[in-house]
Amino acid sequence: MQIKNQLGKLPLRLPLVDLIEEQVSRGSLEIWPIQLPHIYELSSLPALHRDPFDRLIVATAKLEKVKLVSADPLV
């Protein structure tokens, strides 16, 4: 999110640290650490997308069995 914000691709209404703290305190955001199983899951993904961060998000969602919502048609 920070990288996208700095590139102008993700405008935020608050500084990222404040936005995350707000959402965590409301219970609408849970922070997951990147763990080895998430990295290993990358090998199961087809080569449809080259962005390593996006691929890690997809692999994590797949492994954790959560729905991923994206505007990206390749996810």
Protein backbone atom coordinates (compact mmCIF):
# COMPACT_ATOMS: atom_id res chain seq x y z
CA MET A 1 0.00 0.00 0.00
CA GLN A 2 2.83 2.38 0.83
CA ILE A 3 4.53 1.79 -2.50
CA LYS A 4 1.28 2.23 -4.45
CA ASN A 5 0.55 5.41 -2.49
CA GLN A 6 4.01 6.83 -3.22
CA LEU A 7 3.55 6.07 -6.92
CA GLY A 8 0.24 7.94 -6.91
CA LYS A 9 -1.71 4.77 -7.66
CA LEU A 10 -3.46 4.57 -4.28
CA PRO A 11 -4.58 7.85 -2.77
CA LEU A 12 -5.17 7.54 0.97
CA ARG A 13 -7.31 9.79 3.16
CA LEU A 14 -4.80 9.46 6.04
CA PRO A 15 -1.11 8.61 6.36
CA LEU A 16 -0.78 4.84 6.00
CA VAL A 17 0.27 4.26 9.62
CA ASP A 18 -2.84 6.09 10.87
CA LEU A 19 -5.11 4.31 8.41
CA ILE A 20 -3.82 0.88 9.41
CA GLU A 21 -4.04 1.64 13.14
CA GLU A 22 -7.61 2.87 12.67
CA GLN A 23 -8.70 -0.23 10.75
CA VAL A 24 -6.97 -2.64 13.16
CA SER A 25 -8.60 -0.96 16.17
CA ARG A 26 -12.04 -1.25 14.49
CA GLY A 27 -11.43 -4.94 13.87
CA SER A 28 -11.78 -4.54 10.11
CA LEU A 29 -8.15 -5.34 9.34
CA GLU A 30 -5.96 -8.19 10.51
CA ILE A 31 -2.23 -8.12 9.81
CA TRP A 32 -0.75 -11.46 8.75
CA PRO A 33 2.99 -12.02 8.79
CA ILE A 34 4.59 -13.50 5.71
CA GLN A 35 5.62 -17.03 6.58
CA LEU A 36 7.44 -19.77 4.68
CA PRO A 37 4.24 -21.60 3.62
CA HIS A 38 3.12 -18.38 1.88
CA ILE A 39 6.42 -18.28 -0.01
CA TYR A 40 6.19 -21.96 -0.96
CA GLU A 41 2.64 -21.44 -2.24
CA LEU A 42 4.05 -19.12 -4.92
CA SER A 43 5.22 -22.18 -6.86
CA SER A 44 1.60 -23.29 -7.34
CA LEU A 45 0.57 -20.09 -9.12
CA PRO A 46 0.40 -19.85 -12.90
CA ALA A 47 2.64 -17.21 -14.50
CA LEU A 48 -0.24 -14.82 -15.22
CA HIS A 49 1.10 -11.89 -13.27
CA ARG A 50 4.68 -10.66 -12.88
CA ASP A 51 4.36 -8.34 -9.88
CA PRO A 52 5.99 -10.20 -6.96
CA PHE A 53 3.94 -8.39 -4.31
CA ASP A 54 0.68 -9.18 -6.08
CA ARG A 55 1.72 -12.80 -6.45
CA LEU A 56 2.48 -13.00 -2.72
CA ILE A 57 -0.95 -11.56 -1.91
CA VAL A 58 -2.62 -14.15 -4.15
CA ALA A 59 -0.57 -17.00 -2.69
CA THR A 60 -1.39 -15.90 0.85
CA ALA A 61 -5.11 -15.62 0.11
CA LYS A 62 -5.08 -19.04 -1.50
CA LEU A 63 -3.24 -20.68 1.38
CA GLU A 64 -5.35 -18.96 4.05
CA LYS A 65 -8.55 -19.80 2.12
CA VAL A 66 -9.85 -16.23 2.08
CA LYS A 67 -11.51 -14.36 -0.74
CA LEU A 68 -9.36 -11.87 -2.58
CA VAL A 69 -11.03 -8.79 -4.01
CA SER A 70 -9.13 -6.97 -6.72
CA ALA A 71 -9.68 -4.65 -9.64
CA ASP A 72 -6.91 -6.50 -11.47
CA PRO A 73 -8.42 -8.78 -14.16
CA LEU A 74 -5.46 -11.16 -13.91
CA VAL A 75 -5.95 -12.13 -10.26
